[in-house]
Amino acid sequence: MTESNRLVVVLGDQLDRQSVLFDDLDAGHDRVWMTEASAEASRDAVHQQRLVLFFAAMRHLRDELRGRGVTVEYHAIEDHPPGAAPRSLADHLADDLDRLRPAEVVMMECGDWQIEQALCAVIAERGIPLDWRDDRHFLASRADFARWAEGRRSLTMEYFYRLMRKRYGVLMEGDQPAGGAWNFDKDNRAAFGAEGPGALPAHPQFQPDALTAGVIAAVRERYADHPGDAADFNQPVTPAQARAALDDFIEHRLPAFGTWQDAIWTGEPLLFHARLSTSLNLHLLDPRDCIEQAEAAWRAGRAPLNAVEGFIRQVLGWREFIRGVYWLKMPDYAELNALGHEQAMPAFFWDGDTEMACLADAMEGLLTHGYAHHIQRLMVLGLFAQLYGVHPYAFHRWHMAMYLDAVDWVSLPNALGMSQFGDGGVVGTKPYCASGAYIDRMSNACAQCRYNPKKAVGDKACPFTTLYWDFLDRHEAQLGGNRRLQFQFRNLQRKSDAERSEIRQAAAALRTRLADHGGGG
């Protein structure tokens, strides 16, 4: 057995070159430990491009560190024999601690509660001292958020966001918000007219280098049966590429981002969106840079306030708030299922095989890019899963498998909480439930669909509309008192007993059809 001084654990979402993990790294004595774990890659049918993103980004950091003379203990997915039992991060770490016997392990706050617990347990079992470090990538620490949340009857993102704006002096004029309002969301809900979005700015292209090309080949060979195609991969995998993506967004799409951020147009999955979440969540990009560049664009007259505020609210407000909720509420949060939903994910959530035009379009973009913008996530894919009655943790697992930017801390509160209302109101004050009419208003999909968003029963009935009324009917006793749902429940109560019975029958038949055949009907 060999001796080493310290083993510095670096996970796949901790790739910041200025990380606290590297503050006192001694290339002559310390080792960095990085692992591509087969258990995480094969737990569900993980999108091929998600695997490429993590593995390629990790290997670029590995090679940079080695180029600086740092010893990196690295487990690549190709090292795992095909057909062998999957191995977790904790499995690999246990073996290496026994082999290397470091004097100390250096580790930073993780992005996944279960992984953090498992790795800490392995270290503790061996009696090795642990140098535990806070993750300074975020603008609010776990302790900051816990102090803010203490004693509050409810956790409202808007109030937390205002605190963060004041703390960091972002979009402030003295002690008042720029433009006289904290939130310009009302200006960010426009839908494209019949003419559509018009000419759209091209998104940047990131040509795979030799290292990334090797990862793509390995993933296509080893995970050929997983969704998506690694050959379509086009994401930043280094800080320089992530910064180029940010610069491109600020210059070419931020000015129009706000107004159209809720709009959908079939065949255009990217529109004016930033697509920076993968770089942020792997720590290739500093959120402070995003905030500073966006605010500078507004102050220079290069982007309107509604767009800049909407973007900054996602980074400084929602992203930090969601992380705070995750660490405040785990591990019990993962078990929540306030609506008692138990359905499995319909098969078309993996292959896109459905006649529902909005869902087929969202799934096409997801399979091609590993991405869907927030309205497609929440009000198309998430909405259908909620109305259908998918178990909220099953939806979260699907979200973790299919989206390139998913890390447990960000996925669980967004998927289980906001999207599926599994937390009963911790993240959102009401379920985001809507009929096909919402999708018809915000997109052009319904005009291309064989279903009619106005109909709840019959051959042309829109499955969203059928399941919407069924959702309200099933949960009337539980949700009928929610003041933000009064309009919907008054409309439900106008329906006769016979109409409601017919809707229940139609919804049951739809669920049976999806469970039996997996298609969209």
Protein backbone atom coordinates (compact mmCIF):
# COMPACT_ATOMS: atom_id res chain seq x y z
CA MET A 1 0.00 0.00 0.00
CA THR A 2 1.12 3.54 -0.75
CA GLU A 3 0.90 6.58 1.48
CA SER A 4 -0.50 9.96 0.44
CA ASN A 5 -0.97 13.11 2.42
CA ARG A 6 -4.51 14.20 1.53
CA LEU A 7 -7.16 12.91 -0.86
CA VAL A 8 -9.22 15.73 -2.37
CA VAL A 9 -12.64 14.49 -3.53
CA VAL A 10 -13.99 16.29 -6.61
CA LEU A 11 -17.44 15.29 -7.87
CA GLY A 12 -18.90 15.75 -11.34
CA ASP A 13 -20.80 18.92 -10.41
CA GLN A 14 -17.81 20.54 -8.63
CA LEU A 15 -15.66 21.54 -11.59
CA ASP A 16 -14.91 25.16 -10.65
CA ARG A 17 -11.19 25.77 -11.15
CA GLN A 18 -11.33 28.31 -8.29
CA SER A 19 -13.10 25.87 -6.00
CA VAL A 20 -12.46 25.94 -2.28
CA LEU A 21 -11.20 22.39 -2.77
CA PHE A 22 -8.13 23.73 -4.55
CA ASP A 23 -7.29 26.65 -2.23
CA ASP A 24 -4.38 24.85 -0.59
CA LEU A 25 -3.85 21.94 -2.96
CA ASP A 26 -0.25 20.73 -2.75
CA ALA A 27 0.65 19.12 -6.06
CA GLY A 28 3.66 17.46 -4.49
CA HIS A 29 1.77 15.60 -1.78
CA ASP A 30 -2.01 15.68 -2.34
CA ARG A 31 -4.07 13.57 -4.71
CA VAL A 32 -7.33 14.54 -6.39
CA TRP A 33 -9.99 11.82 -6.62
CA MET A 34 -12.57 11.79 -9.42
CA THR A 35 -14.88 8.99 -10.50
CA GLU A 36 -17.36 8.22 -13.28
CA ALA A 37 -19.60 5.80 -11.38
CA SER A 38 -21.34 3.08 -13.38
CA ALA A 39 -24.16 2.92 -10.80
CA GLU A 40 -25.12 6.56 -11.45
CA ALA A 41 -24.85 6.08 -15.23
CA SER A 42 -27.06 2.99 -15.31
CA ARG A 43 -29.54 3.58 -12.46
CA ASP A 44 -32.14 4.73 -15.00
CA ALA A 45 -32.05 5.11 -18.77
CA VAL A 46 -29.86 8.21 -18.55
CA HIS A 47 -29.80 10.47 -21.62
CA GLN A 48 -26.63 9.76 -23.61
CA GLN A 49 -25.72 13.44 -23.80
CA ARG A 50 -26.02 13.81 -20.03
CA LEU A 51 -23.34 11.16 -19.65
CA VAL A 52 -21.15 12.86 -22.24
CA LEU A 53 -21.52 16.22 -20.50
CA PHE A 54 -20.43 15.00 -17.09
CA PHE A 55 -17.69 12.66 -18.27
CA ALA A 56 -16.17 15.09 -20.79
CA ALA A 57 -16.27 18.04 -18.38
CA MET A 58 -14.67 15.93 -15.64
CA ARG A 59 -11.92 14.65 -17.95
CA HIS A 60 -11.04 18.15 -19.08
CA LEU A 61 -10.49 19.15 -15.45
CA ARG A 62 -8.57 15.95 -14.82
CA ASP A 63 -6.17 16.69 -17.66
CA GLU A 64 -5.75 20.32 -16.58
CA LEU A 65 -4.81 19.20 -13.08
CA ARG A 66 -2.38 16.59 -14.39
CA GLY A 67 -0.86 19.25 -16.59
CA ARG A 68 -0.12 21.22 -13.42
CA GLY A 69 1.63 18.23 -11.89
CA VAL A 70 -1.26 17.09 -9.69
CA THR A 71 -1.77 13.35 -9.20
CA VAL A 72 -5.37 12.50 -10.10
CA GLU A 73 -6.89 9.17 -9.11
CA TYR A 74 -9.48 8.82 -11.87
CA HIS A 75 -12.00 6.06 -12.58
CA ALA A 76 -13.29 6.28 -16.16
CA ILE A 77 -16.42 4.48 -17.28
CA GLU A 78 -14.39 2.44 -19.77
CA ASP A 79 -12.53 0.90 -16.82
CA HIS A 80 -15.73 -0.79 -15.65
CA PRO A 81 -16.07 -4.22 -17.31
CA PRO A 82 -19.25 -4.55 -19.40
CA GLY A 83 -21.78 -6.72 -17.61
CA ALA A 84 -20.16 -6.27 -14.20
CA ALA A 85 -22.30 -5.15 -11.27
CA PRO A 86 -22.67 -1.35 -11.20
CA ARG A 87 -20.43 0.43 -8.70
CA SER A 88 -21.31 3.62 -6.85
CA LEU A 89 -19.13 6.57 -5.92
CA ALA A 90 -19.05 5.25 -2.37
CA ASP A 91 -17.89 1.81 -3.58
CA HIS A 92 -14.98 3.34 -5.47
CA LEU A 93 -14.04 5.68 -2.64
CA ALA A 94 -14.02 2.85 -0.10
CA ASP A 95 -11.59 0.85 -2.24
CA ASP A 96 -9.29 3.80 -2.79
CA LEU A 97 -9.23 4.84 0.85
CA ASP A 98 -8.16 1.30 1.76
CA ARG A 99 -5.52 1.30 -0.97
CA LEU A 100 -4.14 4.84 -0.54
CA ARG A 101 -4.66 5.32 3.20
CA PRO A 102 -4.58 9.15 3.08
CA ALA A 103 -3.90 11.12 6.22
CA GLU A 104 -6.98 13.24 5.54
CA VAL A 105 -9.85 13.57 3.07
CA VAL A 106 -10.86 16.98 1.78
CA MET A 107 -14.47 17.21 0.64
CA MET A 108 -16.93 19.97 -0.19
CA GLU A 109 -20.68 20.16 0.23
CA CYS A 110 -22.29 17.89 -2.36
CA GLY A 111 -25.20 18.49 -4.67
CA ASP A 112 -26.96 15.27 -3.65
CA TRP A 113 -27.98 14.38 -0.08
CA GLN A 114 -27.71 10.64 -0.61
CA ILE A 115 -24.24 10.86 -2.16
CA GLU A 116 -23.06 13.19 0.57
CA GLN A 117 -24.27 10.81 3.26
CA ALA A 118 -22.75 7.75 1.56
CA LEU A 119 -19.32 9.32 1.03
CA CYS A 120 -19.15 10.74 4.55
CA ALA A 121 -20.11 7.32 5.96
CA VAL A 122 -17.32 5.59 4.03
CA ILE A 123 -14.77 8.10 5.35
CA ALA A 124 -16.06 7.87 8.93
CA GLU A 125 -16.03 4.06 8.87
CA ARG A 126 -12.30 4.15 8.22
CA GLY A 127 -11.61 6.71 10.91
CA ILE A 128 -9.96 9.11 8.46
CA PRO A 129 -10.12 12.82 9.39
CA LEU A 130 -12.40 14.84 7.11
CA ASP A 131 -11.70 18.44 6.14
CA TRP A 132 -15.24 19.60 5.29
CA ARG A 133 -15.67 22.77 3.24
CA ASP A 134 -18.61 24.97 2.30
CA ASP A 135 -19.30 25.47 -1.39
CA ARG A 136 -18.70 29.15 -2.15
CA HIS A 137 -20.08 28.81 -5.70
CA PHE A 138 -23.46 29.77 -4.26
CA LEU A 139 -24.39 33.24 -3.04
CA ALA A 140 -26.37 31.95 -0.05
CA SER A 141 -24.89 29.25 2.16
CA ARG A 142 -26.97 26.48 3.66
CA ALA A 143 -26.71 28.27 7.02
CA ASP A 144 -27.75 31.61 5.44
CA PHE A 145 -30.93 30.08 4.11
CA ALA A 146 -31.72 28.24 7.32
CA ARG A 147 -31.43 31.51 9.26
CA TRP A 148 -33.73 33.26 6.79
CA ALA A 149 -36.30 30.44 6.93
CA GLU A 150 -36.33 30.10 10.73
CA GLY A 151 -39.70 30.98 12.21
CA ARG A 152 -41.41 31.60 8.87
CA ARG A 153 -44.80 29.99 8.36
CA SER A 154 -44.15 29.72 4.63
CA LEU A 155 -41.14 30.03 2.36
CA THR A 156 -41.82 32.61 -0.33
CA MET A 157 -39.18 32.95 -3.01
CA GLU A 158 -40.05 36.59 -3.72
CA TYR A 159 -39.08 37.72 -0.22
CA PHE A 160 -35.85 35.73 -0.31
CA TYR A 161 -35.06 37.19 -3.74
CA ARG A 162 -35.53 40.74 -2.48
CA LEU A 163 -33.17 40.01 0.40
CA MET A 164 -30.54 38.73 -2.03
CA ARG A 165 -30.95 41.78 -4.27
CA LYS A 166 -30.37 44.06 -1.29
CA ARG A 167 -27.49 42.00 0.11
CA TYR A 168 -25.55 42.07 -3.15
CA GLY A 169 -26.75 45.43 -4.48
CA VAL A 170 -28.12 43.91 -7.67
CA LEU A 171 -30.49 46.02 -9.80
CA MET A 172 -30.79 48.54 -7.01
CA GLU A 173 -31.07 52.34 -7.06
CA GLY A 174 -30.08 53.23 -3.54
CA ASP A 175 -32.35 51.18 -1.31
CA GLN A 176 -35.05 50.84 -3.99
CA PRO A 177 -35.33 48.34 -6.85
CA ALA A 178 -34.36 49.57 -10.29
CA GLY A 179 -37.37 50.62 -12.28
CA GLY A 180 -39.53 50.95 -9.17
CA ALA A 181 -40.52 47.27 -8.97
CA TRP A 182 -38.91 44.10 -7.71
CA ASN A 183 -40.47 41.85 -10.31
CA PHE A 184 -41.38 42.40 -13.96
CA ASP A 185 -42.88 38.97 -14.54
CA LYS A 186 -46.13 40.50 -15.83
CA ASP A 187 -44.15 41.79 -18.83
CA ASN A 188 -42.66 38.37 -19.56
CA ARG A 189 -45.69 36.31 -20.55
CA ALA A 190 -46.21 37.17 -24.22
CA ALA A 191 -47.08 34.51 -26.78
CA PHE A 192 -45.96 34.58 -30.39
CA GLY A 193 -48.67 35.58 -32.85
CA ALA A 194 -49.64 33.55 -35.87
CA GLU A 195 -46.47 34.68 -37.62
CA GLY A 196 -44.30 32.97 -35.00
CA PRO A 197 -41.00 34.15 -33.53
CA GLY A 198 -39.48 35.20 -36.83
CA ALA A 199 -35.74 34.93 -37.43
CA LEU A 200 -34.01 33.59 -34.33
CA PRO A 201 -30.40 34.17 -33.30
CA ALA A 202 -28.26 31.07 -33.70
CA HIS A 203 -27.09 29.35 -30.55
CA PRO A 204 -23.34 28.80 -30.19
CA GLN A 205 -21.76 25.59 -31.41
CA PHE A 206 -19.13 23.74 -29.40
CA GLN A 207 -17.24 21.40 -31.67
CA PRO A 208 -16.07 18.36 -29.67
CA ASP A 209 -12.31 18.17 -29.26
CA ALA A 210 -10.50 14.83 -29.30
CA LEU A 211 -11.18 14.17 -25.62
CA THR A 212 -14.92 14.87 -25.91
CA ALA A 213 -15.11 12.91 -29.16
CA GLY A 214 -13.67 9.92 -27.32
CA VAL A 215 -16.31 10.23 -24.62
CA ILE A 216 -19.04 10.43 -27.24
CA ALA A 217 -17.80 7.23 -28.88
CA ALA A 218 -17.60 5.42 -25.54
CA VAL A 219 -21.09 6.46 -24.49
CA ARG A 220 -22.64 5.52 -27.84
CA GLU A 221 -21.05 2.09 -27.60
CA ARG A 222 -21.71 1.36 -23.93
CA TYR A 223 -25.13 3.02 -23.57
CA ALA A 224 -26.58 2.54 -27.04
CA ASP A 225 -30.02 1.71 -25.63
CA HIS A 226 -30.27 4.93 -23.62
CA PRO A 227 -32.40 7.88 -24.84
CA GLY A 228 -30.95 10.56 -27.08
CA ASP A 229 -27.87 10.39 -29.26
CA ALA A 230 -24.45 11.33 -27.95
CA ALA A 231 -23.46 12.31 -31.49
CA ASP A 232 -25.73 15.38 -31.21
CA PHE A 233 -23.82 16.67 -28.16
CA ASN A 234 -23.27 20.45 -28.22
CA GLN A 235 -22.56 21.77 -24.74
CA PRO A 236 -19.74 23.67 -23.01
CA VAL A 237 -17.39 21.32 -21.15
CA THR A 238 -14.76 23.84 -20.04
CA PRO A 239 -14.95 27.23 -18.25
CA ALA A 240 -13.78 28.99 -21.41
CA GLN A 241 -16.62 27.47 -23.43
CA ALA A 242 -19.11 28.28 -20.66
CA ARG A 243 -17.99 31.89 -20.65
CA ALA A 244 -18.37 32.02 -24.44
CA ALA A 245 -21.94 30.72 -24.06
CA LEU A 246 -22.70 33.45 -21.51
CA ASP A 247 -21.23 36.17 -23.72
CA ASP A 248 -23.27 34.91 -26.67
CA PHE A 249 -26.51 34.94 -24.67
CA ILE A 250 -25.96 38.46 -23.30
CA GLU A 251 -25.28 39.84 -26.76
CA HIS A 252 -27.74 37.96 -28.96
CA ARG A 253 -30.70 36.69 -26.92
CA LEU A 254 -31.01 38.49 -23.60
CA PRO A 255 -32.73 41.56 -25.13
CA ALA A 256 -35.70 39.44 -26.26
CA PHE A 257 -35.50 36.78 -23.54
CA GLY A 258 -37.86 38.40 -21.05
CA THR A 259 -40.83 39.13 -23.28
CA TRP A 260 -40.87 35.66 -24.85
CA GLN A 261 -39.60 33.47 -22.03
CA ASP A 262 -42.98 31.73 -21.55
CA ALA A 263 -43.76 31.26 -25.24
CA ILE A 264 -43.63 27.95 -27.11
CA TRP A 265 -43.21 27.42 -30.83
CA THR A 266 -43.09 23.93 -32.30
CA GLY A 267 -39.81 22.97 -33.90
CA GLU A 268 -37.96 25.72 -31.99
CA PRO A 269 -36.95 24.27 -28.61
CA LEU A 270 -34.25 26.86 -27.85
CA LEU A 271 -35.77 30.23 -28.87
CA PHE A 272 -34.23 33.10 -26.85
CA HIS A 273 -33.31 31.00 -23.82
CA ALA A 274 -29.86 31.06 -22.25
CA ARG A 275 -29.10 27.32 -21.91
CA LEU A 276 -26.53 28.16 -19.24
CA SER A 277 -27.90 25.85 -16.56
CA THR A 278 -25.58 22.95 -17.44
CA SER A 279 -22.54 25.18 -17.03
CA LEU A 280 -23.87 26.70 -13.82
CA ASN A 281 -24.81 23.40 -12.26
CA LEU A 282 -21.49 21.73 -13.05
CA HIS A 283 -19.73 24.86 -11.71
CA LEU A 284 -18.12 25.66 -15.03
CA LEU A 285 -19.70 29.11 -14.83
CA ASP A 286 -19.90 31.45 -11.83
CA PRO A 287 -23.41 32.80 -11.18
CA ARG A 288 -21.87 36.13 -10.20
CA ASP A 289 -20.57 36.54 -13.75
CA CYS A 290 -24.06 35.89 -15.13
CA ILE A 291 -25.61 38.47 -12.82
CA GLU A 292 -22.92 41.10 -13.39
CA GLN A 293 -22.97 40.78 -17.18
CA ALA A 294 -26.78 40.92 -17.36
CA GLU A 295 -26.97 44.01 -15.15
CA ALA A 296 -24.18 45.68 -17.10
CA ALA A 297 -26.11 45.08 -20.34
CA TRP A 298 -29.14 46.88 -18.89
CA ARG A 299 -27.13 49.79 -17.53
CA ALA A 300 -25.45 50.17 -20.93
CA GLY A 301 -28.82 50.19 -22.70
CA ARG A 302 -28.19 46.88 -24.47
CA ALA A 303 -31.08 44.94 -22.85
CA PRO A 304 -34.42 46.01 -21.33
CA LEU A 305 -35.06 45.80 -17.61
CA ASN A 306 -37.83 43.20 -17.86
CA ALA A 307 -35.45 40.77 -19.60
CA VAL A 308 -32.53 41.42 -17.27
CA GLU A 309 -34.61 41.24 -14.10
CA GLY A 310 -36.28 38.02 -15.29
CA PHE A 311 -32.92 36.40 -15.97
CA ILE A 312 -31.35 37.58 -12.71
CA ARG A 313 -34.40 36.39 -10.76
CA GLN A 314 -33.76 32.86 -12.07
CA VAL A 315 -30.07 32.94 -11.07
CA LEU A 316 -30.00 35.02 -7.88
CA GLY A 317 -33.52 34.24 -6.72
CA TRP A 318 -34.97 30.91 -7.80
CA ARG A 319 -31.71 28.94 -8.08
CA GLU A 320 -30.49 29.95 -4.63
CA PHE A 321 -33.96 29.54 -3.11
CA ILE A 322 -34.38 26.02 -4.47
CA ARG A 323 -31.01 24.95 -3.12
CA GLY A 324 -31.94 26.37 0.27
CA VAL A 325 -35.23 24.47 0.34
CA TYR A 326 -33.49 21.23 -0.62
CA TRP A 327 -30.96 21.29 2.21
CA LEU A 328 -33.47 22.63 4.72
CA LYS A 329 -35.99 19.87 4.05
CA MET A 330 -33.90 16.78 3.23
CA PRO A 331 -34.05 13.85 3.66
CA ASP A 332 -37.80 13.81 4.39
CA TYR A 333 -38.56 16.00 1.38
CA ALA A 334 -37.86 13.16 -1.06
CA GLU A 335 -40.65 11.08 0.49
CA LEU A 336 -43.39 13.69 0.15
CA ASN A 337 -46.44 12.86 -1.95
CA ALA A 338 -49.11 15.32 -0.89
CA LEU A 339 -51.60 14.39 -3.61
CA GLY A 340 -51.18 10.64 -3.18
CA HIS A 341 -50.22 10.08 -6.82
CA GLU A 342 -48.93 6.59 -7.67
CA GLN A 343 -48.87 6.24 -11.47
CA ALA A 344 -45.72 5.21 -13.33
CA MET A 345 -44.25 7.43 -16.05
CA PRO A 346 -45.98 6.81 -19.40
CA ALA A 347 -43.66 5.27 -21.97
CA PHE A 348 -43.73 8.29 -24.28
CA PHE A 349 -41.76 10.25 -21.68
CA TRP A 350 -38.79 8.14 -22.76
CA ASP A 351 -39.27 7.87 -26.52
CA GLY A 352 -41.63 10.72 -27.51
CA ASP A 353 -44.11 8.35 -29.20
CA THR A 354 -47.37 10.27 -28.76
CA GLU A 355 -49.98 11.93 -30.95
CA MET A 356 -50.26 14.92 -28.59
CA ALA A 357 -48.50 17.61 -30.62
CA CYS A 358 -47.24 19.70 -27.69
CA LEU A 359 -45.81 16.67 -25.89
CA ALA A 360 -44.29 15.21 -29.06
CA ASP A 361 -42.62 18.54 -29.78
CA ALA A 362 -41.29 18.91 -26.22
CA MET A 363 -39.99 15.36 -26.26
CA GLU A 364 -38.32 15.82 -29.64
CA GLY A 365 -36.38 18.76 -28.25
CA LEU A 366 -35.56 16.87 -25.07
CA LEU A 367 -34.31 13.80 -26.90
CA THR A 368 -32.27 15.93 -29.32
CA HIS A 369 -30.78 18.40 -26.86
CA GLY A 370 -31.34 17.01 -23.35
CA TYR A 371 -33.13 20.31 -22.80
CA ALA A 372 -36.56 21.87 -22.63
CA HIS A 373 -37.19 25.44 -21.55
CA HIS A 374 -38.97 26.11 -18.28
CA ILE A 375 -42.53 26.38 -19.66
CA GLN A 376 -42.20 23.13 -21.58
CA ARG A 377 -40.84 21.51 -18.42
CA LEU A 378 -43.50 22.89 -16.11
CA MET A 379 -46.59 23.43 -18.26
CA VAL A 380 -46.30 20.66 -20.87
CA LEU A 381 -44.26 17.70 -19.62
CA GLY A 382 -44.68 18.42 -15.91
CA LEU A 383 -48.32 19.38 -16.26
CA PHE A 384 -49.23 16.16 -18.03
CA ALA A 385 -47.43 14.05 -15.43
CA GLN A 386 -49.22 15.84 -12.60
CA LEU A 387 -52.68 15.60 -14.17
CA TYR A 388 -52.05 11.97 -15.06
CA GLY A 389 -51.09 11.22 -11.46
CA VAL A 390 -47.41 10.21 -11.74
CA HIS A 391 -45.69 9.51 -8.43
CA PRO A 392 -43.70 12.71 -7.75
CA TYR A 393 -40.43 10.93 -6.99
CA ALA A 394 -40.77 8.87 -10.17
CA PHE A 395 -41.11 12.15 -12.05
CA HIS A 396 -37.98 13.45 -10.33
CA ARG A 397 -36.02 10.33 -11.30
CA TRP A 398 -37.11 10.75 -14.91
CA HIS A 399 -36.09 14.41 -14.74
CA MET A 400 -32.67 13.43 -13.38
CA ALA A 401 -32.19 10.92 -16.20
CA MET A 402 -33.33 13.04 -19.13
CA TYR A 403 -32.16 16.60 -18.48
CA LEU A 404 -28.51 17.46 -18.91
CA ASP A 405 -28.61 20.14 -16.20
CA ALA A 406 -30.26 18.04 -13.48
CA VAL A 407 -28.52 17.71 -10.13
CA ASP A 408 -30.47 16.38 -7.15
CA TRP A 409 -30.55 19.69 -5.25
CA VAL A 410 -32.11 21.53 -8.17
CA SER A 411 -34.23 18.74 -9.64
CA LEU A 412 -36.01 17.51 -6.53
CA PRO A 413 -37.66 20.78 -5.39
CA ASN A 414 -38.42 21.76 -8.98
CA ALA A 415 -39.75 18.37 -10.13
CA LEU A 416 -41.32 16.88 -7.01
CA GLY A 417 -42.25 20.23 -5.48
CA MET A 418 -43.07 22.94 -7.98
CA SER A 419 -44.06 20.74 -10.92
CA GLN A 420 -45.89 17.89 -9.18
CA PHE A 421 -46.98 19.65 -5.94
CA GLY A 422 -45.69 16.61 -4.10
CA ASP A 423 -44.54 18.81 -1.23
CA GLY A 424 -48.05 20.17 -0.67
CA GLY A 425 -47.04 23.80 -0.96
CA VAL A 426 -43.46 24.17 0.31
CA VAL A 427 -42.18 25.55 -3.00
CA GLY A 428 -45.40 26.74 -4.65
CA THR A 429 -48.67 27.88 -3.13
CA LYS A 430 -50.82 25.86 -5.54
CA PRO A 431 -50.52 23.08 -8.11
CA TYR A 432 -49.68 24.35 -11.58
CA CYS A 433 -52.76 22.74 -13.14
CA ALA A 434 -54.23 23.87 -16.43
CA SER A 435 -56.23 22.50 -19.34
CA GLY A 436 -55.21 22.34 -22.98
CA ALA A 437 -56.41 25.93 -23.29
CA TYR A 438 -53.22 27.21 -21.66
CA ILE A 439 -51.05 25.38 -24.18
CA ASP A 440 -53.25 26.65 -27.01
CA ARG A 441 -52.76 30.21 -25.76
CA MET A 442 -48.97 29.96 -25.40
CA SER A 443 -48.07 27.90 -28.47
CA ASN A 444 -49.01 26.88 -31.99
CA ALA A 445 -49.09 23.18 -31.11
CA CYS A 446 -52.85 22.74 -30.81
CA ALA A 447 -53.42 23.87 -34.40
CA GLN A 448 -51.29 20.90 -35.50
CA CYS A 449 -52.87 18.36 -33.18
CA ARG A 450 -55.72 15.91 -33.76
CA TYR A 451 -57.09 16.75 -30.31
CA ASN A 452 -59.28 19.74 -29.45
CA PRO A 453 -58.14 21.61 -26.32
CA LYS A 454 -61.73 22.72 -25.65
CA LYS A 455 -63.08 19.18 -25.41
CA ALA A 456 -62.82 16.98 -22.31
CA VAL A 457 -64.68 13.93 -23.62
CA GLY A 458 -65.10 12.22 -26.96
CA ASP A 459 -62.73 11.09 -29.70
CA LYS A 460 -61.26 14.59 -30.19
CA ALA A 461 -60.93 15.35 -26.48
CA CYS A 462 -57.56 16.78 -25.50
CA PRO A 463 -55.96 14.50 -22.89
CA PHE A 464 -54.78 17.58 -21.00
CA THR A 465 -58.33 18.89 -20.75
CA THR A 466 -59.78 15.52 -19.79
CA LEU A 467 -57.19 15.01 -17.08
CA TYR A 468 -57.44 18.62 -15.90
CA TRP A 469 -61.11 18.33 -15.00
CA ASP A 470 -60.49 14.87 -13.55
CA PHE A 471 -57.63 16.29 -11.45
CA LEU A 472 -59.91 18.97 -9.98
CA ASP A 473 -62.66 16.42 -9.41
CA ARG A 474 -60.33 13.97 -7.63
CA HIS A 475 -58.74 16.61 -5.42
CA GLU A 476 -61.72 18.86 -4.72
CA ALA A 477 -61.87 18.00 -1.02
CA GLN A 478 -58.14 18.55 -0.55
CA LEU A 479 -57.59 21.61 -2.75
CA GLY A 480 -61.02 23.24 -2.93
CA GLY A 481 -60.14 25.68 -0.16
CA ASN A 482 -57.00 26.96 -1.86
CA ARG A 483 -57.73 30.63 -2.56
CA ARG A 484 -55.59 30.58 -5.72
CA LEU A 485 -57.74 27.80 -7.22
CA GLN A 486 -61.16 29.28 -6.54
CA PHE A 487 -61.82 30.20 -10.16
CA GLN A 488 -61.04 26.67 -11.34
CA PHE A 489 -63.19 25.01 -8.72
CA ARG A 490 -66.13 27.32 -9.37
CA ASN A 491 -65.98 26.22 -13.01
CA LEU A 492 -65.84 22.58 -11.93
CA GLN A 493 -68.87 23.03 -9.72
CA ARG A 494 -70.86 24.33 -12.69
CA LYS A 495 -70.61 20.92 -14.30
CA SER A 496 -73.43 18.48 -13.67
CA ASP A 497 -72.94 15.15 -11.89
CA ALA A 498 -73.40 13.43 -15.24
CA GLU A 499 -70.68 15.55 -16.89
CA ARG A 500 -68.27 14.90 -14.06
CA SER A 501 -68.97 11.17 -14.20
CA GLU A 502 -68.32 11.15 -17.95
CA ILE A 503 -65.01 12.96 -17.42
CA ARG A 504 -63.96 10.46 -14.75
CA GLN A 505 -64.70 7.58 -17.12
CA ALA A 506 -62.78 9.25 -19.96
CA ALA A 507 -59.77 9.87 -17.68
CA ALA A 508 -59.78 6.28 -16.45
CA ALA A 509 -59.90 4.98 -20.04
CA LEU A 510 -57.02 7.28 -21.00
CA ARG A 511 -54.86 6.03 -18.12
CA THR A 512 -55.61 2.43 -19.03
CA ARG A 513 -54.67 3.08 -22.65
CA LEU A 514 -51.41 4.74 -21.69
CA ALA A 515 -50.53 2.05 -19.16
CA ASP A 516 -51.26 -0.73 -21.66
CA HIS A 517 -49.69 0.76 -24.76
CA GLY A 518 -47.53 3.68 -23.68
CA GLY A 519 -48.56 5.86 -26.64
CA GLY A 520 -50.48 9.11 -26.56
CA GLY A 521 -53.73 7.72 -27.90
